[in-house]
Structures are given as C-alpha cells and as structure tokens.
C-alpha cells in the first residue's frame, strides 16, 4: 500500500521479502519485508508518509478504532532508507575482485592478475585515458620486484623500476628510446637518495644530485665532460645554491 502511495507521487520504490512471510524453520519470522527507495527521495518520501499517517490518524479517531503508531512507522522507513543507502554504497564501490574503475566508465583502470591465489601482475591507467601506463610485476611469493612506467603518457614505457624487499630501489629512464639511459634515480628504503644524469656520448655520470628526506642537499657536476665530477654544490633548505 505504501509502495503504491509513493509511486503515485512519482517516487520509485521496491518491496523486498514480500514472498518470504510464510517462511519456516531457521528463517526469521519478522523484519523480512522492507520498502526500499533511493537516498535522494528520502525527504519527499518522509513527507508523503507523514501526511498519509496524519490522515490515517484522523480517520482512526473518527471511527474510534485503535490508533496506529506513526512514529514507529516513520522510524522503520528511515531505517530502511539508511540501510538501502548503505547497501547502495557498498555494491556501487569502484573496487572489484579484478580491479578498480575510478571514473565509472565501465573499464577497469587498475587490474590485478593472480596465479595460485597470489598476485603476479598489476596494470594501471593513471591518467584514465583507457591506456595502461604502469605495469608492476611480482615474484612467486607475491612481493613486487619490478615496474615499467610511461611517465609522459606517449605509449612508450621509457622507465624501468627495481624493487627490493617491497621498497623501490632504483629507477632508470631511456626517454629517447635509443638504448641509452639518460638518468637514473636511486632510492634508500623507498626515499630518493640520489639522481644521476648520464652523458649519452660517454655513458658516464655527468651530474649527481644527493637528497635527504626528499630535499636536494648537494650535487656534483662534470663541467668539461672528462668523467671527473669536478664541481661541488651545496643547497639550503629552499634548494637554493649556497
């Protein structure tokens, strides 16, 4: 009856458990029938129910029949609406057993691949353009050991990563895709420790920067390209050269 009342006022609703009322055995005998509506219709539905209850209360008084308990009915409806909202949130989460669809376009942006119940590979679309730009690989134990990254989203995985005991250990990039590493980043316990810029002609380090807690502290530079880092630089807390 309440479902018909709501829908006659343009509010879609659903009755759950109406065919379970005759259940026996271990099935609960109460609390099995629920009226479900959308969260956005909560206020309007409550007002309609309040008005209906008020009219029913007046009719009951005239006919000297026992009065209903509108507060209990309203509380029941409110509980149902809250529960339906919670269930809607749970079952509409972007996270699934196979990955995550961040922008709700029907395509998983993060994907996980498993073997023998252990993760072996994960792919990620960081800019949500439909193309994979990060790939992580995992060992037999399920611990990450390497990664491939397309930092500039041009379709080429120019950066390779290595992990040790779950922490990022090194990252090197061949931006020009000519087989020569232009720069590499070394990490210590997951934090940047140093960055080395490689001379493409000699294959030697042309510049090396040292970091502490993510901040540039000092640098060495080969000013003439002879392979000797002959220039030293120190930086303040604002990474300005002292």
C-alpha atoms as a PDB file:
ATOM      1  CA  UNK A   1       0.000   0.000   0.000  1.00  0.00           C
ATOM      2  CA  UNK A   2       2.792   2.416   0.887  1.00  0.00           C
ATOM      3  CA  UNK A   3       4.645   1.454  -2.302  1.00  0.00           C
ATOM      4  CA  UNK A   4       1.589   2.398  -4.372  1.00  0.00           C
ATOM      5  CA  UNK A   5       1.242   5.612  -2.369  1.00  0.00           C
ATOM      6  CA  UNK A   6       4.847   6.646  -3.066  1.00  0.00           C
ATOM      7  CA  UNK A   7       4.814   5.721  -6.736  1.00  0.00           C
ATOM      8  CA  UNK A   8       1.564   7.635  -7.256  1.00  0.00           C
ATOM      9  CA  UNK A   9       3.591  10.658  -6.182  1.00  0.00           C
ATOM     10  CA  UNK A  10       6.418   9.921  -8.609  1.00  0.00           C
ATOM     11  CA  UNK A  11       8.772   8.161  -6.166  1.00  0.00           C
ATOM     12  CA  UNK A  12      10.081   4.794  -7.294  1.00  0.00           C
ATOM     13  CA  UNK A  13      10.217   2.144  -4.564  1.00  0.00           C
ATOM     14  CA  UNK A  14      10.769  -1.570  -4.170  1.00  0.00           C
ATOM     15  CA  UNK A  15       9.422  -4.125  -1.677  1.00  0.00           C
ATOM     16  CA  UNK A  16      11.960  -6.742  -0.615  1.00  0.00           C
ATOM     17  CA  UNK A  17      10.984 -10.000   1.106  1.00  0.00           C
ATOM     18  CA  UNK A  18       7.257  -9.862   0.446  1.00  0.00           C
ATOM     19  CA  UNK A  19       7.256 -13.548  -0.603  1.00  0.00           C
ATOM     20  CA  UNK A  20       9.143 -14.715   2.495  1.00  0.00           C
ATOM     21  CA  UNK A  21       6.440 -14.039   5.053  1.00  0.00           C
ATOM     22  CA  UNK A  22       5.406 -17.684   5.155  1.00  0.00           C
ATOM     23  CA  UNK A  23       8.955 -18.890   5.725  1.00  0.00           C
ATOM     24  CA  UNK A  24       9.522 -21.502   8.405  1.00  0.00           C
ATOM     25  CA  UNK A  25      12.421 -23.278  10.048  1.00  0.00           C
ATOM     26  CA  UNK A  26      15.510 -21.094  10.508  1.00  0.00           C
ATOM     27  CA  UNK A  27      14.041 -18.166   8.567  1.00  0.00           C
ATOM     28  CA  UNK A  28      13.309 -15.175  10.776  1.00  0.00           C
ATOM     29  CA  UNK A  29       9.607 -14.521  11.170  1.00  0.00           C
ATOM     30  CA  UNK A  30       9.959 -10.739  11.441  1.00  0.00           C
ATOM     31  CA  UNK A  31      11.928  -7.993   9.752  1.00  0.00           C
ATOM     32  CA  UNK A  32      11.901  -9.716   6.371  1.00  0.00           C
ATOM     33  CA  UNK A  33       9.764  -7.195   4.460  1.00  0.00           C
ATOM     34  CA  UNK A  34      11.439  -3.914   3.541  1.00  0.00           C
ATOM     35  CA  UNK A  35      10.443  -0.929   1.451  1.00  0.00           C
ATOM     36  CA  UNK A  36      13.456   0.403  -0.496  1.00  0.00           C
ATOM     37  CA  UNK A  37      13.779   3.887  -2.040  1.00  0.00           C
ATOM     38  CA  UNK A  38      16.692   5.966  -3.328  1.00  0.00           C
ATOM     39  CA  UNK A  39      18.593   8.222  -0.895  1.00  0.00           C
ATOM     40  CA  UNK A  40      17.632  11.278  -2.937  1.00  0.00           C
ATOM     41  CA  UNK A  41      13.928  10.538  -2.355  1.00  0.00           C
ATOM     42  CA  UNK A  42      14.214  10.253   1.439  1.00  0.00           C
ATOM     43  CA  UNK A  43      12.866  13.699   2.341  1.00  0.00           C
ATOM     44  CA  UNK A  44       9.996  13.613  -0.166  1.00  0.00           C
ATOM     45  CA  UNK A  45       9.048  10.064   0.861  1.00  0.00           C
ATOM     46  CA  UNK A  46       9.061  11.026   4.540  1.00  0.00           C
ATOM     47  CA  UNK A  47       6.748  13.983   3.898  1.00  0.00           C
ATOM     48  CA  UNK A  48       4.314  11.794   1.957  1.00  0.00           C
ATOM     49  CA  UNK A  49       4.322   9.165   4.698  1.00  0.00           C
ATOM     50  CA  UNK A  50       3.814  11.831   7.372  1.00  0.00           C
ATOM     51  CA  UNK A  51       0.823  13.230   5.521  1.00  0.00           C
ATOM     52  CA  UNK A  52      -0.626   9.755   4.984  1.00  0.00           C
ATOM     53  CA  UNK A  53      -0.156   8.855   8.644  1.00  0.00           C
ATOM     54  CA  UNK A  54      -1.818  12.084   9.706  1.00  0.00           C
ATOM     55  CA  UNK A  55      -4.825  11.332   7.530  1.00  0.00           C
ATOM     56  CA  UNK A  56      -4.996   7.760   8.807  1.00  0.00           C
ATOM     57  CA  UNK A  57      -4.795   9.013  12.389  1.00  0.00           C
ATOM     58  CA  UNK A  58      -7.710  11.380  11.832  1.00  0.00           C
ATOM     59  CA  UNK A  59      -9.786   8.620  10.268  1.00  0.00           C
ATOM     60  CA  UNK A  60      -8.989   6.317  13.184  1.00  0.00           C
ATOM     61  CA  UNK A  61     -10.180   8.938  15.664  1.00  0.00           C
ATOM     62  CA  UNK A  62     -13.455   9.391  13.841  1.00  0.00           C
ATOM     63  CA  UNK A  63     -14.093   5.658  13.642  1.00  0.00           C
ATOM     64  CA  UNK A  64     -12.974   5.083  17.280  1.00  0.00           C
ATOM     65  CA  UNK A  65     -10.527   2.456  16.070  1.00  0.00           C
ATOM     66  CA  UNK A  66      -7.076   1.877  17.674  1.00  0.00           C
ATOM     67  CA  UNK A  67      -4.585   4.475  16.569  1.00  0.00           C
ATOM     68  CA  UNK A  68      -1.523   3.440  14.672  1.00  0.00           C
ATOM     69  CA  UNK A  69       1.937   4.474  15.736  1.00  0.00           C
ATOM     70  CA  UNK A  70       3.156   6.900  13.077  1.00  0.00           C
ATOM     71  CA  UNK A  71       6.445   7.478  14.847  1.00  0.00           C
ATOM     72  CA  UNK A  72       7.284   3.765  14.721  1.00  0.00           C
ATOM     73  CA  UNK A  73       6.360   3.551  11.044  1.00  0.00           C
ATOM     74  CA  UNK A  74       8.440   6.608  10.235  1.00  0.00           C
ATOM     75  CA  UNK A  75      11.371   5.239  12.200  1.00  0.00           C
ATOM     76  CA  UNK A  76      11.048   1.936  10.330  1.00  0.00           C
ATOM     77  CA  UNK A  77      11.030   3.727   6.982  1.00  0.00           C
ATOM     78  CA  UNK A  78      14.001   5.874   7.993  1.00  0.00           C
ATOM     79  CA  UNK A  79      15.931   2.766   9.000  1.00  0.00           C
ATOM     80  CA  UNK A  80      15.099   1.112   5.706  1.00  0.00           C
ATOM     81  CA  UNK A  81      16.250   4.168   3.769  1.00  0.00           C
ATOM     82  CA  UNK A  82      19.502   4.375   5.689  1.00  0.00           C
ATOM     83  CA  UNK A  83      20.107   0.669   5.141  1.00  0.00           C
ATOM     84  CA  UNK A  84      19.323   0.953   1.451  1.00  0.00           C
ATOM     85  CA  UNK A  85      21.763   3.857   1.127  1.00  0.00           C
ATOM     86  CA  UNK A  86      24.461   1.864   2.878  1.00  0.00           C
ATOM     87  CA  UNK A  87      23.877  -1.169   0.647  1.00  0.00           C
ATOM     88  CA  UNK A  88      23.851   1.056  -2.430  1.00  0.00           C
ATOM     89  CA  UNK A  89      27.233   2.490  -1.400  1.00  0.00           C
ATOM     90  CA  UNK A  90      28.701  -0.964  -0.790  1.00  0.00           C
ATOM     91  CA  UNK A  91      27.535  -2.507  -4.044  1.00  0.00           C
ATOM     92  CA  UNK A  92      28.437   0.539  -6.133  1.00  0.00           C
ATOM     93  CA  UNK A  93      32.031   0.856  -4.937  1.00  0.00           C
ATOM     94  CA  UNK A  94      34.525   1.105  -7.833  1.00  0.00           C
ATOM     95  CA  UNK A  95      36.599  -1.694  -6.279  1.00  0.00           C
ATOM     96  CA  UNK A  96      36.073  -5.249  -7.551  1.00  0.00           C
ATOM     97  CA  UNK A  97      37.974  -8.503  -7.155  1.00  0.00           C
ATOM     98  CA  UNK A  98      39.629  -7.821 -10.529  1.00  0.00           C
ATOM     99  CA  UNK A  99      40.496  -4.136 -10.191  1.00  0.00           C
ATOM    100  CA  UNK A 100      39.195  -0.587  -9.825  1.00  0.00           C
ATOM    101  CA  UNK A 101      37.149   1.589 -12.180  1.00  0.00           C
ATOM    102  CA  UNK A 102      37.889   5.082 -10.875  1.00  0.00           C
ATOM    103  CA  UNK A 103      35.851   7.095 -13.393  1.00  0.00           C
ATOM    104  CA  UNK A 104      32.885   4.683 -13.698  1.00  0.00           C
ATOM    105  CA  UNK A 105      33.232   4.279 -17.479  1.00  0.00           C
ATOM    106  CA  UNK A 106      32.928   0.508 -17.340  1.00  0.00           C
ATOM    107  CA  UNK A 107      36.676  -0.022 -17.908  1.00  0.00           C
ATOM    108  CA  UNK A 108      38.963  -1.128 -15.082  1.00  0.00           C
ATOM    109  CA  UNK A 109      41.727   1.449 -14.624  1.00  0.00           C
ATOM    110  CA  UNK A 110      43.643  -0.769 -12.203  1.00  0.00           C
ATOM    111  CA  UNK A 111      43.802  -4.502 -12.934  1.00  0.00           C
ATOM    112  CA  UNK A 112      45.252  -7.353 -10.904  1.00  0.00           C
ATOM    113  CA  UNK A 113      46.313 -10.753 -12.212  1.00  0.00           C
ATOM    114  CA  UNK A 114      46.687 -13.705  -9.859  1.00  0.00           C
ATOM    115  CA  UNK A 115      48.257 -17.141 -10.041  1.00  0.00           C
ATOM    116  CA  UNK A 116      47.789 -19.745  -7.323  1.00  0.00           C
ATOM    117  CA  UNK A 117      45.933 -17.103  -5.277  1.00  0.00           C
ATOM    118  CA  UNK A 118      48.955 -14.756  -5.347  1.00  0.00           C
ATOM    119  CA  UNK A 119      49.267 -11.553  -7.299  1.00  0.00           C
ATOM    120  CA  UNK A 120      51.662 -11.810 -10.231  1.00  0.00           C
ATOM    121  CA  UNK A 121      50.988  -8.620 -12.197  1.00  0.00           C
ATOM    122  CA  UNK A 122      49.098  -5.339 -11.940  1.00  0.00           C
ATOM    123  CA  UNK A 123      48.431  -2.718 -14.597  1.00  0.00           C
ATOM    124  CA  UNK A 124      47.355   0.882 -14.063  1.00  0.00           C
ATOM    125  CA  UNK A 125      45.891   3.696 -16.147  1.00  0.00           C
ATOM    126  CA  UNK A 126      46.933   6.733 -14.103  1.00  0.00           C
ATOM    127  CA  UNK A 127      45.514   9.446 -16.365  1.00  0.00           C
ATOM    128  CA  UNK A 128      42.300   7.478 -17.090  1.00  0.00           C
ATOM    129  CA  UNK A 129      42.659   7.679 -20.879  1.00  0.00           C
ATOM    130  CA  UNK A 130      41.967   3.987 -21.411  1.00  0.00           C
ATOM    131  CA  UNK A 131      45.630   3.076 -21.959  1.00  0.00           C
ATOM    132  CA  UNK A 132      47.896   1.256 -19.490  1.00  0.00           C
ATOM    133  CA  UNK A 133      50.844   3.412 -18.416  1.00  0.00           C
ATOM    134  CA  UNK A 134      52.192   1.473 -15.425  1.00  0.00           C
ATOM    135  CA  UNK A 135      52.933  -2.236 -15.043  1.00  0.00           C
ATOM    136  CA  UNK A 136      54.135  -3.909 -11.825  1.00  0.00           C
ATOM    137  CA  UNK A 137      55.422  -7.483 -11.714  1.00  0.00           C
ATOM    138  CA  UNK A 138      55.513  -9.715  -8.645  1.00  0.00           C
ATOM    139  CA  UNK A 139      57.550 -12.786  -7.717  1.00  0.00           C
ATOM    140  CA  UNK A 140      56.345 -16.251  -6.698  1.00  0.00           C
ATOM    141  CA  UNK A 141      55.982 -15.023  -3.121  1.00  0.00           C
ATOM    142  CA  UNK A 142      53.651 -12.215  -4.192  1.00  0.00           C
ATOM    143  CA  UNK A 143      56.247  -9.499  -3.470  1.00  0.00           C
ATOM    144  CA  UNK A 144      56.780  -6.770  -6.073  1.00  0.00           C
ATOM    145  CA  UNK A 145      60.126  -6.928  -7.863  1.00  0.00           C
ATOM    146  CA  UNK A 146      59.923  -4.627 -10.906  1.00  0.00           C
ATOM    147  CA  UNK A 147      57.924  -1.983 -12.698  1.00  0.00           C
ATOM    148  CA  UNK A 148      57.567  -0.343 -16.106  1.00  0.00           C
ATOM    149  CA  UNK A 149      56.238   3.194 -16.387  1.00  0.00           C
ATOM    150  CA  UNK A 150      55.182   5.543 -19.180  1.00  0.00           C
ATOM    151  CA  UNK A 151      55.727   8.833 -17.351  1.00  0.00           C
ATOM    152  CA  UNK A 152      54.801  11.113 -20.253  1.00  0.00           C
ATOM    153  CA  UNK A 153      51.808   9.022 -21.419  1.00  0.00           C
ATOM    154  CA  UNK A 154      53.071   8.691 -25.010  1.00  0.00           C
ATOM    155  CA  UNK A 155      52.527   4.931 -25.157  1.00  0.00           C
ATOM    156  CA  UNK A 156      56.190   4.009 -24.552  1.00  0.00           C
ATOM    157  CA  UNK A 157      57.402   2.548 -21.259  1.00  0.00           C
ATOM    158  CA  UNK A 158      60.624   4.528 -21.029  1.00  0.00           C
ATOM    159  CA  UNK A 159      61.196   3.998 -17.299  1.00  0.00           C
ATOM    160  CA  UNK A 160      62.156   0.750 -15.570  1.00  0.00           C
ATOM    161  CA  UNK A 161      61.996   0.177 -11.818  1.00  0.00           C
ATOM    162  CA  UNK A 162      63.552  -2.379  -9.494  1.00  0.00           C
ATOM    163  CA  UNK A 163      62.297  -3.230  -6.008  1.00  0.00           C
ATOM    164  CA  UNK A 164      63.969  -4.919  -3.082  1.00  0.00           C
ATOM    165  CA  UNK A 165      62.004  -6.316  -0.149  1.00  0.00           C
ATOM    166  CA  UNK A 166      58.968  -4.319  -1.221  1.00  0.00           C
ATOM    167  CA  UNK A 167      60.822  -0.975  -1.441  1.00  0.00           C
ATOM    168  CA  UNK A 168      61.648   0.903  -4.629  1.00  0.00           C
ATOM    169  CA  UNK A 169      65.419   0.569  -5.089  1.00  0.00           C
ATOM    170  CA  UNK A 170      66.187   2.154  -8.472  1.00  0.00           C
ATOM    171  CA  UNK A 171      64.537   3.774 -11.475  1.00  0.00           C
ATOM    172  CA  UNK A 172      66.151   4.489 -14.819  1.00  0.00           C
ATOM    173  CA  UNK A 173      64.782   6.176 -17.925  1.00  0.00           C
ATOM    174  CA  UNK A 174      65.576   5.988 -21.620  1.00  0.00           C
ATOM    175  CA  UNK A 175      63.499   8.963 -22.720  1.00  0.00           C
ATOM    176  CA  UNK A 176      64.729   8.999 -26.330  1.00  0.00           C
ATOM    177  CA  UNK A 177      64.326   5.231 -26.681  1.00  0.00           C
ATOM    178  CA  UNK A 178      67.798   4.953 -28.208  1.00  0.00           C
ATOM    179  CA  UNK A 179      69.021   2.282 -25.810  1.00  0.00           C
ATOM    180  CA  UNK A 180      70.961   4.773 -23.670  1.00  0.00           C
ATOM    181  CA  UNK A 181      69.859   5.633 -20.134  1.00  0.00           C
ATOM    182  CA  UNK A 182      69.629   9.425 -19.704  1.00  0.00           C
ATOM    183  CA  UNK A 183      69.218   9.425 -15.953  1.00  0.00           C
ATOM    184  CA  UNK A 184      68.680   7.070 -13.049  1.00  0.00           C
ATOM    185  CA  UNK A 185      67.261   7.574  -9.588  1.00  0.00           C
ATOM    186  CA  UNK A 186      68.471   5.547  -6.611  1.00  0.00           C
ATOM    187  CA  UNK A 187      66.334   5.073  -3.526  1.00  0.00           C
ATOM    188  CA  UNK A 188      67.039   4.129   0.058  1.00  0.00           C
ATOM    189  CA  UNK A 189      64.168   2.497   1.936  1.00  0.00           C
ATOM    190  CA  UNK A 190      61.771   3.968  -0.607  1.00  0.00           C
ATOM    191  CA  UNK A 191      63.100   7.563  -0.371  1.00  0.00           C
ATOM    192  CA  UNK A 192      65.112   9.321  -3.100  1.00  0.00           C
ATOM    193  CA  UNK A 193      68.792   9.054  -2.239  1.00  0.00           C
ATOM    194  CA  UNK A 194      70.442  10.364  -5.404  1.00  0.00           C
ATOM    195  CA  UNK A 195      69.791  11.137  -9.054  1.00  0.00           C
ATOM    196  CA  UNK A 196      72.428  10.570 -11.732  1.00  0.00           C
ATOM    197  CA  UNK A 197      72.353  12.264 -15.147  1.00  0.00           C
ATOM    198  CA  UNK A 198      74.190  10.267 -17.818  1.00  0.00           C
ATOM    199  CA  UNK A 199      76.183  11.701 -20.737  1.00  0.00           C
ATOM    200  CA  UNK A 200      74.800   9.936 -23.825  1.00  0.00           C
ATOM    201  CA  UNK A 201      78.122  10.217 -25.649  1.00  0.00           C
ATOM    202  CA  UNK A 202      80.378   8.795 -22.947  1.00  0.00           C
ATOM    203  CA  UNK A 203      77.891   6.792 -20.883  1.00  0.00           C
ATOM    204  CA  UNK A 204      79.398   8.355 -17.742  1.00  0.00           C
ATOM    205  CA  UNK A 205      77.692  10.297 -14.969  1.00  0.00           C
ATOM    206  CA  UNK A 206      77.667  13.996 -15.880  1.00  0.00           C
ATOM    207  CA  UNK A 207      75.825  15.169 -12.777  1.00  0.00           C
ATOM    208  CA  UNK A 208      74.863  13.557  -9.493  1.00  0.00           C
ATOM    209  CA  UNK A 209      72.392  15.049  -7.015  1.00  0.00           C
ATOM    210  CA  UNK A 210      72.095  13.972  -3.363  1.00  0.00           C
ATOM    211  CA  UNK A 211      68.836  14.090  -1.415  1.00  0.00           C
ATOM    212  CA  UNK A 212      67.745  13.761   2.194  1.00  0.00           C
ATOM    213  CA  UNK A 213      64.105  13.300   3.166  1.00  0.00           C
ATOM    214  CA  UNK A 214      63.114  14.238  -0.377  1.00  0.00           C
ATOM    215  CA  UNK A 215      65.071  17.538  -0.361  1.00  0.00           C
ATOM    216  CA  UNK A 216      68.046  18.339  -2.575  1.00  0.00           C
ATOM    217  CA  UNK A 217      71.119  18.833  -0.361  1.00  0.00           C
ATOM    218  CA  UNK A 218      74.146  18.775  -2.661  1.00  0.00           C
ATOM    219  CA  UNK A 219      75.352  17.982  -6.179  1.00  0.00           C
ATOM    220  CA  UNK A 220      78.442  17.078  -8.179  1.00  0.00           C
ATOM    221  CA  UNK A 221      78.977  18.113 -11.806  1.00  0.00           C
ATOM    222  CA  UNK A 222      81.424  17.244 -14.568  1.00  0.00           C
ATOM    223  CA  UNK A 223      81.981  20.677 -16.074  1.00  0.00           C
ATOM    224  CA  UNK A 224      84.146  19.583 -19.036  1.00  0.00           C
ATOM    225  CA  UNK A 225      82.853  16.091 -19.770  1.00  0.00           C
ATOM    226  CA  UNK A 226      86.055  14.249 -18.900  1.00  0.00           C
ATOM    227  CA  UNK A 227      84.312  11.906 -16.478  1.00  0.00           C
ATOM    228  CA  UNK A 228      85.557  13.724 -13.375  1.00  0.00           C
ATOM    229  CA  UNK A 229      82.889  15.336 -11.209  1.00  0.00           C
ATOM    230  CA  UNK A 230      84.961  18.450 -10.538  1.00  0.00           C
ATOM    231  CA  UNK A 231      82.297  20.922  -9.365  1.00  0.00           C
ATOM    232  CA  UNK A 232      80.536  20.700  -5.998  1.00  0.00           C
ATOM    233  CA  UNK A 233      77.353  22.474  -4.953  1.00  0.00           C
ATOM    234  CA  UNK A 234      75.554  22.804  -1.605  1.00  0.00           C
ATOM    235  CA  UNK A 235      71.886  23.787  -1.269  1.00  0.00           C
ATOM    236  CA  UNK A 236      69.909  25.375   1.557  1.00  0.00           C
ATOM    237  CA  UNK A 237      66.501  24.249   2.864  1.00  0.00           C
ATOM    238  CA  UNK A 238      64.842  26.029  -0.093  1.00  0.00           C
ATOM    239  CA  UNK A 239      67.101  24.183  -2.535  1.00  0.00           C
ATOM    240  CA  UNK A 240      68.896  27.394  -3.393  1.00  0.00           C
ATOM    241  CA  UNK A 241      72.614  27.048  -4.094  1.00  0.00           C
ATOM    242  CA  UNK A 242      74.814  28.298  -1.243  1.00  0.00           C
END
